[in-house]
Structure formats: structure tokens, C-alpha cells
Amino acid sequence: MADNNTPRVYKPSENLLSHRAAWRARLAEADKAREALERAVADELTGDLELTNREVAPHLGWSEEQIRLIARKYGVPRRRKRPEDHKIIEKNGQPAQVVVPYDWYKEHGGEGA
């Protein structure tokens, strides 16, 4: 029994430590599996430059933004928007700007073209 002036020192059981080690190992496996899945997503996008993030996302249960982040992480070329995805942004009821696909932008004299 501990003296009232001596703080109690907890020592985890071997059972707890072994379960913690197993959990950490499973987390490491999950991280490796996620990394492999992200690489596969990047390969898919690189292999088909007309494939959009919007088309891939529902098959993974992730958002388009998550797919975009994966694409950036692996250096996938930025050519995902199709002409039907062009957006006209209006200001006071008048067209103010158009958001266009990157490849179209480059072909038509965009920055660094």
C-alpha cells in the first residue's frame, strides 16, 4: 500500500500493452493501404486526362476536394474541367468572368504558355 505522501505509479498490464501494440500495427497497415489507394487514384487520373475529380469521388466515398488534394500530392496534371464545366460568373447581372479548363487556358495564351 502506498504512503499518503507518495504518488501512485500506474503500470499498464501486459494485456493492455499487447493490445496497444496490435492497434498501432493495424493503424500502420491502414496508413499503408490508404497511401496505396491514393497512389491508385493518382494513377487513374494521370492515365485518363479527361477523367474528372467529380467522376472519381463517388466511387471512393470521398469529396471532389479530397480527390483534388490527392492529385496535387502526386503531381497529376491540372486538366480536369470539361467545356461543360466552364462557369460564367456574373456581377450585377452581367458576365464578369469565365472559369475555364487549365488546358484550354494554356492553349489560348494563358500564363506561361
C-alpha atoms as a PDB file:
ATOM      1  CA  MET A   1       0.000   0.000   0.000  1.00  0.00           C
ATOM      2  CA  ALA A   2       1.285   3.446  -0.935  1.00  0.00           C
ATOM      3  CA  ASP A   3       2.249   6.017   1.627  1.00  0.00           C
ATOM      4  CA  ASN A   4      -0.094   9.060   1.587  1.00  0.00           C
ATOM      5  CA  ASN A   5       2.855  11.271   0.615  1.00  0.00           C
ATOM      6  CA  THR A   6       3.981   9.023  -2.270  1.00  0.00           C
ATOM      7  CA  PRO A   7       2.020   9.372  -5.507  1.00  0.00           C
ATOM      8  CA  ARG A   8       0.673   6.209  -7.002  1.00  0.00           C
ATOM      9  CA  VAL A   9       2.516   4.981 -10.082  1.00  0.00           C
ATOM     10  CA  TYR A  10       0.390   3.147 -12.619  1.00  0.00           C
ATOM     11  CA  LYS A  11       1.941   0.364 -14.659  1.00  0.00           C
ATOM     12  CA  PRO A  12      -0.165  -0.925 -17.575  1.00  0.00           C
ATOM     13  CA  SER A  13      -0.789  -4.645 -17.739  1.00  0.00           C
ATOM     14  CA  GLU A  14       0.825  -6.839 -20.381  1.00  0.00           C
ATOM     15  CA  ASN A  15      -2.666  -7.384 -21.828  1.00  0.00           C
ATOM     16  CA  LEU A  16      -3.173  -3.640 -22.321  1.00  0.00           C
ATOM     17  CA  LEU A  17       0.311  -3.185 -23.787  1.00  0.00           C
ATOM     18  CA  SER A  18      -0.116  -6.052 -26.243  1.00  0.00           C
ATOM     19  CA  HIS A  19      -3.478  -4.699 -27.429  1.00  0.00           C
ATOM     20  CA  ARG A  20      -1.990  -1.247 -27.837  1.00  0.00           C
ATOM     21  CA  ALA A  21       0.855  -2.691 -29.912  1.00  0.00           C
ATOM     22  CA  ALA A  22      -1.637  -4.610 -32.079  1.00  0.00           C
ATOM     23  CA  TRP A  23      -3.713  -1.457 -32.565  1.00  0.00           C
ATOM     24  CA  ARG A  24      -0.658   0.568 -33.594  1.00  0.00           C
ATOM     25  CA  ALA A  25       0.340  -2.146 -36.070  1.00  0.00           C
ATOM     26  CA  ARG A  26      -3.163  -2.093 -37.593  1.00  0.00           C
ATOM     27  CA  LEU A  27      -3.015   1.703 -37.874  1.00  0.00           C
ATOM     28  CA  ALA A  28       0.291   1.415 -39.726  1.00  0.00           C
ATOM     29  CA  GLU A  29      -1.300  -1.142 -42.084  1.00  0.00           C
ATOM     30  CA  ALA A  30      -4.250   1.191 -42.650  1.00  0.00           C
ATOM     31  CA  ASP A  31      -1.895   4.080 -43.432  1.00  0.00           C
ATOM     32  CA  LYS A  32      -0.058   1.941 -45.991  1.00  0.00           C
ATOM     33  CA  ALA A  33      -3.364   0.838 -47.542  1.00  0.00           C
ATOM     34  CA  ARG A  34      -4.596   4.433 -47.784  1.00  0.00           C
ATOM     35  CA  GLU A  35      -1.313   5.505 -49.370  1.00  0.00           C
ATOM     36  CA  ALA A  36      -1.659   2.714 -51.938  1.00  0.00           C
ATOM     37  CA  LEU A  37      -5.247   3.749 -52.651  1.00  0.00           C
ATOM     38  CA  GLU A  38      -4.243   7.394 -53.084  1.00  0.00           C
ATOM     39  CA  ARG A  39      -1.472   6.336 -55.487  1.00  0.00           C
ATOM     40  CA  ALA A  40      -4.043   4.300 -57.459  1.00  0.00           C
ATOM     41  CA  VAL A  41      -6.331   7.355 -57.646  1.00  0.00           C
ATOM     42  CA  ALA A  42      -3.444   9.476 -58.934  1.00  0.00           C
ATOM     43  CA  ASP A  43      -2.561   6.806 -61.499  1.00  0.00           C
ATOM     44  CA  GLU A  44      -6.193   6.719 -62.664  1.00  0.00           C
ATOM     45  CA  LEU A  45      -6.273  10.481 -63.110  1.00  0.00           C
ATOM     46  CA  THR A  46      -2.907  10.546 -64.857  1.00  0.00           C
ATOM     47  CA  GLY A  47      -3.870   7.682 -67.156  1.00  0.00           C
ATOM     48  CA  ASP A  48      -7.044   9.390 -68.387  1.00  0.00           C
ATOM     49  CA  LEU A  49      -6.607  13.152 -68.597  1.00  0.00           C
ATOM     50  CA  GLU A  50     -10.288  13.635 -69.411  1.00  0.00           C
ATOM     51  CA  LEU A  51     -11.370  11.944 -66.178  1.00  0.00           C
ATOM     52  CA  THR A  52     -12.652  14.446 -63.625  1.00  0.00           C
ATOM     53  CA  ASN A  53     -12.420  14.515 -59.854  1.00  0.00           C
ATOM     54  CA  ARG A  54     -16.217  14.620 -59.835  1.00  0.00           C
ATOM     55  CA  GLU A  55     -16.373  11.280 -61.653  1.00  0.00           C
ATOM     56  CA  VAL A  56     -13.911   9.548 -59.335  1.00  0.00           C
ATOM     57  CA  ALA A  57     -15.153  10.831 -55.960  1.00  0.00           C
ATOM     58  CA  PRO A  58     -18.445   8.856 -55.698  1.00  0.00           C
ATOM     59  CA  HIS A  59     -16.604   5.561 -56.193  1.00  0.00           C
ATOM     60  CA  LEU A  60     -14.487   6.199 -53.116  1.00  0.00           C
ATOM     61  CA  GLY A  61     -16.932   7.961 -50.840  1.00  0.00           C
ATOM     62  CA  TRP A  62     -14.640  10.988 -50.783  1.00  0.00           C
ATOM     63  CA  SER A  63     -15.326  14.559 -51.823  1.00  0.00           C
ATOM     64  CA  GLU A  64     -14.084  16.124 -55.048  1.00  0.00           C
ATOM     65  CA  GLU A  65     -11.825  18.261 -52.867  1.00  0.00           C
ATOM     66  CA  GLN A  66     -10.180  15.153 -51.379  1.00  0.00           C
ATOM     67  CA  ILE A  67      -9.523  13.847 -54.901  1.00  0.00           C
ATOM     68  CA  ARG A  68      -8.078  17.244 -55.841  1.00  0.00           C
ATOM     69  CA  LEU A  69      -5.743  17.117 -52.826  1.00  0.00           C
ATOM     70  CA  ILE A  70      -4.574  13.646 -53.825  1.00  0.00           C
ATOM     71  CA  ALA A  71      -3.985  14.871 -57.390  1.00  0.00           C
ATOM     72  CA  ARG A  72      -1.877  17.775 -56.090  1.00  0.00           C
ATOM     73  CA  LYS A  73       0.060  15.474 -53.749  1.00  0.00           C
ATOM     74  CA  TYR A  74       1.085  13.227 -56.644  1.00  0.00           C
ATOM     75  CA  GLY A  75       1.571  15.946 -59.272  1.00  0.00           C
ATOM     76  CA  VAL A  76      -1.318  14.962 -61.537  1.00  0.00           C
ATOM     77  CA  PRO A  77      -1.573  17.468 -64.421  1.00  0.00           C
ATOM     78  CA  ARG A  78      -4.329  20.037 -63.892  1.00  0.00           C
ATOM     79  CA  ARG A  79      -6.681  19.328 -66.785  1.00  0.00           C
ATOM     80  CA  ARG A  80      -9.879  18.136 -65.258  1.00  0.00           C
ATOM     81  CA  LYS A  81     -12.565  20.655 -66.249  1.00  0.00           C
ATOM     82  CA  ARG A  82     -14.512  19.933 -69.385  1.00  0.00           C
ATOM     83  CA  PRO A  83     -16.087  22.625 -71.565  1.00  0.00           C
ATOM     84  CA  GLU A  84     -19.458  21.895 -69.965  1.00  0.00           C
ATOM     85  CA  ASP A  85     -17.830  22.724 -66.623  1.00  0.00           C
ATOM     86  CA  HIS A  86     -16.958  26.269 -67.688  1.00  0.00           C
ATOM     87  CA  LYS A  87     -18.648  28.691 -65.360  1.00  0.00           C
ATOM     88  CA  ILE A  88     -19.758  32.217 -66.147  1.00  0.00           C
ATOM     89  CA  ILE A  89     -19.528  34.425 -63.102  1.00  0.00           C
ATOM     90  CA  GLU A  90     -21.880  37.378 -63.218  1.00  0.00           C
ATOM     91  CA  LYS A  91     -21.628  40.720 -61.497  1.00  0.00           C
ATOM     92  CA  ASN A  92     -24.710  42.959 -61.420  1.00  0.00           C
ATOM     93  CA  GLY A  93     -26.426  40.648 -63.923  1.00  0.00           C
ATOM     94  CA  GLN A  94     -23.583  40.941 -66.452  1.00  0.00           C
ATOM     95  CA  PRO A  95     -20.916  38.328 -67.204  1.00  0.00           C
ATOM     96  CA  ALA A  96     -17.793  39.345 -65.290  1.00  0.00           C
ATOM     97  CA  GLN A  97     -15.518  36.362 -65.831  1.00  0.00           C
ATOM     98  CA  VAL A  98     -15.436  32.798 -67.086  1.00  0.00           C
ATOM     99  CA  VAL A  99     -13.709  29.942 -65.327  1.00  0.00           C
ATOM    100  CA  VAL A 100     -12.193  27.673 -67.987  1.00  0.00           C
ATOM    101  CA  PRO A 101     -10.226  24.405 -68.008  1.00  0.00           C
ATOM    102  CA  TYR A 102      -6.489  24.768 -67.497  1.00  0.00           C
ATOM    103  CA  ASP A 103      -5.524  23.136 -70.803  1.00  0.00           C
ATOM    104  CA  TRP A 104      -7.845  25.494 -72.707  1.00  0.00           C
ATOM    105  CA  TYR A 105      -6.304  28.407 -70.830  1.00  0.00           C
ATOM    106  CA  LYS A 106      -2.765  27.308 -71.770  1.00  0.00           C
ATOM    107  CA  GLU A 107      -3.720  26.697 -75.430  1.00  0.00           C
ATOM    108  CA  HIS A 108      -5.128  30.208 -75.694  1.00  0.00           C
ATOM    109  CA  GLY A 109      -2.103  32.107 -74.412  1.00  0.00           C
ATOM    110  CA  GLY A 110      -2.518  31.776 -70.672  1.00  0.00           C
ATOM    111  CA  GLU A 111       0.298  32.495 -68.247  1.00  0.00           C
ATOM    112  CA  GLY A 112       3.462  30.581 -69.124  1.00  0.00           C
ATOM    113  CA  ALA A 113       2.052  29.338 -72.435  1.00  0.00           C
END
